[in-house]
Amino acid sequence: MDAETIQRSLEESGLRCTPQRYAVMAFLMECNRHPTAAEIFEAVNRVDPRSSRATTYNNLRDLTQAGLVREVAVEGRAARFDAKGMRHHHFICDRCGSVEDIEWYDVPRPASGSLGKRVLRQHELIFRGLCTKCAPRHASRQVSKAGGYRMNGAHQQARPPAMARAGKPRRGRNSPQFF
């Protein structure tokens, strides 16, 4: 996307085209992954160190509210951001937290009565599982029909990476001990 297109999309969305906002939008448009706000701040500041962390976060909020950027919430991890213009779904890896684009296909809207008085703005699918990098490393684990992983024949629910490795919560000096 060229400079004029970015400027026009900002202005059509009711946003001023400040140098900092332009830098955030340009970075996201050229980025082939889904960076966190901290990663965006670092990348933008490498090019132009005038932008503060607060300005970067505020620009991300404004761009998201204007519909130019999508925030992808990843449970237990920092939110990721996406400015791809095409509609698409996401796949989030349970192990490493990577976010990948999945080709869009239409998903039926919920029946109007099922939402009660809620007003639906948009809907998308988020697929979760093991990405192509993590799946081979865990080939001994087979995904069970119950939605968990099989590890050495024993069924366990999917857990955050720290718990999945150890098989139980870690105990340290500062963690509560229950006897």
Foldseek 3Di string as FASTA:
>chain_A
DDQVVLCVLCVVLVHHDDVLLSLLLVCQAPDQFWAFLVVSLVVSCVVPVPDDSVNSVVSQVVCVVSVQKPWADDPPDGITIHRDPDDFAWEAEQAPGGIDTHHDDDDDDPDPPVVPPDDDDDDHDYHYYHDPVVCVVVVCWDQDPVQAIADPNDTDRRDHNVCVVVVHDDDDPPDDDDD
